[in-house]
Amino acid sequence: MLHTVNKPPIGSDSLESALRVAAAGAPILLLEDGVYAARPGARSQGLLETALAGHPLYALGPDLEARGITRVIPGIRVIGY
């Protein structure tokens, strides 16, 4: 089952919640304000780097672009619609 995270990593626990309930191997998609978690140096970087060992992680390219994010944590795949 695909899990989506559309809230920013600060002020929301949606990323932690998605990772807690996601079965091993379940994909996680960061979209809307959730893409802020994909930025290198973000508070959520360690959490996502650990999550990459058990989940494919994706970030929606148009949402990254709309927020001026040009780089993502290595291992997160940028996808389109």
C-alpha atoms as a PDB file:
ATOM      1  CA  MET A   1       0.000   0.000   0.000  1.00  0.00           C
ATOM      2  CA  LEU A   2       1.307   3.451  -0.915  1.00  0.00           C
ATOM      3  CA  HIS A   3       1.601   5.887   1.999  1.00  0.00           C
ATOM      4  CA  THR A   4       1.529   9.616   1.317  1.00  0.00           C
ATOM      5  CA  VAL A   5       2.915  12.462   3.402  1.00  0.00           C
ATOM      6  CA  ASN A   6       1.672  15.933   2.522  1.00  0.00           C
ATOM      7  CA  LYS A   7       2.485  17.850   5.721  1.00  0.00           C
ATOM      8  CA  PRO A   8       5.816  19.522   6.542  1.00  0.00           C
ATOM      9  CA  PRO A   9       8.164  17.714   8.925  1.00  0.00           C
ATOM     10  CA  ILE A  10       7.996  20.534  11.474  1.00  0.00           C
ATOM     11  CA  GLY A  11       4.660  20.960  13.220  1.00  0.00           C
ATOM     12  CA  SER A  12       3.288  17.625  12.031  1.00  0.00           C
ATOM     13  CA  ASP A  13       3.893  13.980  12.783  1.00  0.00           C
ATOM     14  CA  SER A  14       2.542  12.686   9.475  1.00  0.00           C
ATOM     15  CA  LEU A  15       5.947  11.419   8.331  1.00  0.00           C
ATOM     16  CA  GLU A  16       6.525   9.541  11.577  1.00  0.00           C
ATOM     17  CA  SER A  17       2.973   8.169  11.457  1.00  0.00           C
ATOM     18  CA  ALA A  18       3.368   6.931   7.883  1.00  0.00           C
ATOM     19  CA  LEU A  19       6.637   5.201   8.723  1.00  0.00           C
ATOM     20  CA  ARG A  20       5.156   3.655  11.857  1.00  0.00           C
ATOM     21  CA  VAL A  21       2.206   2.034  10.060  1.00  0.00           C
ATOM     22  CA  ALA A  22       3.870   1.213   6.722  1.00  0.00           C
ATOM     23  CA  ALA A  23       4.591  -2.456   6.191  1.00  0.00           C
ATOM     24  CA  ALA A  24       8.141  -3.372   5.227  1.00  0.00           C
ATOM     25  CA  GLY A  25       8.716  -2.497   1.593  1.00  0.00           C
ATOM     26  CA  ALA A  26       5.678  -0.216   1.337  1.00  0.00           C
ATOM     27  CA  PRO A  27       6.431   2.900  -0.718  1.00  0.00           C
ATOM     28  CA  ILE A  28       6.235   6.379   0.827  1.00  0.00           C
ATOM     29  CA  LEU A  29       5.450   9.407  -1.335  1.00  0.00           C
ATOM     30  CA  LEU A  30       6.299  12.932  -0.192  1.00  0.00           C
ATOM     31  CA  LEU A  31       4.070  15.514  -1.845  1.00  0.00           C
ATOM     32  CA  GLU A  32       2.737  19.023  -1.289  1.00  0.00           C
ATOM     33  CA  ASP A  33       4.449  20.404   1.856  1.00  0.00           C
ATOM     34  CA  GLY A  34       5.696  16.905   2.696  1.00  0.00           C
ATOM     35  CA  VAL A  35       8.533  17.435   0.194  1.00  0.00           C
ATOM     36  CA  TYR A  36      10.265  19.724   2.704  1.00  0.00           C
ATOM     37  CA  ALA A  37      11.308  16.532   4.528  1.00  0.00           C
ATOM     38  CA  ALA A  38      13.347  15.478   1.473  1.00  0.00           C
ATOM     39  CA  ARG A  39      15.763  18.433   1.662  1.00  0.00           C
ATOM     40  CA  PRO A  40      19.346  17.591   2.629  1.00  0.00           C
ATOM     41  CA  GLY A  41      19.957  18.970   6.099  1.00  0.00           C
ATOM     42  CA  ALA A  42      16.290  18.887   7.076  1.00  0.00           C
ATOM     43  CA  ARG A  43      15.496  17.769  10.602  1.00  0.00           C
ATOM     44  CA  SER A  44      13.934  14.631   9.116  1.00  0.00           C
ATOM     45  CA  GLN A  45      17.061  13.567   7.190  1.00  0.00           C
ATOM     46  CA  GLY A  46      18.186  10.897   9.661  1.00  0.00           C
ATOM     47  CA  LEU A  47      14.701   9.444   9.857  1.00  0.00           C
ATOM     48  CA  LEU A  48      14.433   9.227   6.069  1.00  0.00           C
ATOM     49  CA  GLU A  49      17.915   7.776   5.664  1.00  0.00           C
ATOM     50  CA  THR A  50      16.951   5.021   8.092  1.00  0.00           C
ATOM     51  CA  ALA A  51      13.611   4.527   6.319  1.00  0.00           C
ATOM     52  CA  LEU A  52      15.388   4.028   2.978  1.00  0.00           C
ATOM     53  CA  ALA A  53      16.650   0.681   4.257  1.00  0.00           C
ATOM     54  CA  GLY A  54      13.104  -0.673   4.333  1.00  0.00           C
ATOM     55  CA  HIS A  55      10.993   1.495   2.023  1.00  0.00           C
ATOM     56  CA  PRO A  56      11.239   3.044  -1.408  1.00  0.00           C
ATOM     57  CA  LEU A  57      10.889   6.819  -0.924  1.00  0.00           C
ATOM     58  CA  TYR A  58       9.622   9.198  -3.574  1.00  0.00           C
ATOM     59  CA  ALA A  59       9.197  12.971  -3.784  1.00  0.00           C
ATOM     60  CA  LEU A  60       6.891  14.637  -6.286  1.00  0.00           C
ATOM     61  CA  GLY A  61       9.008  16.748  -8.641  1.00  0.00           C
ATOM     62  CA  PRO A  62       6.460  19.489  -9.386  1.00  0.00           C
ATOM     63  CA  ASP A  63       5.960  20.057  -5.642  1.00  0.00           C
ATOM     64  CA  LEU A  64       9.733  20.255  -5.086  1.00  0.00           C
ATOM     65  CA  GLU A  65      10.011  22.760  -7.922  1.00  0.00           C
ATOM     66  CA  ALA A  66       7.104  24.849  -6.636  1.00  0.00           C
ATOM     67  CA  ARG A  67       8.899  25.174  -3.289  1.00  0.00           C
ATOM     68  CA  GLY A  68      12.322  25.939  -4.753  1.00  0.00           C
ATOM     69  CA  ILE A  69      13.854  22.643  -3.622  1.00  0.00           C
ATOM     70  CA  THR A  70      16.537  21.599  -6.096  1.00  0.00           C
ATOM     71  CA  ARG A  71      18.246  18.737  -4.211  1.00  0.00           C
ATOM     72  CA  VAL A  72      16.910  15.805  -2.232  1.00  0.00           C
ATOM     73  CA  ILE A  73      18.442  13.359   0.234  1.00  0.00           C
ATOM     74  CA  PRO A  74      20.326  10.674  -1.726  1.00  0.00           C
ATOM     75  CA  GLY A  75      18.143   7.620  -2.283  1.00  0.00           C
ATOM     76  CA  ILE A  76      14.858   9.517  -2.597  1.00  0.00           C
ATOM     77  CA  ARG A  77      13.563   9.255  -6.158  1.00  0.00           C
ATOM     78  CA  VAL A  78      12.005  12.321  -7.726  1.00  0.00           C
ATOM     79  CA  ILE A  79       8.940  11.436  -9.775  1.00  0.00           C
ATOM     80  CA  GLY A  80       6.350  13.262 -11.851  1.00  0.00           C
ATOM     81  CA  TYR A  81       2.611  12.859 -12.132  1.00  0.00           C
END
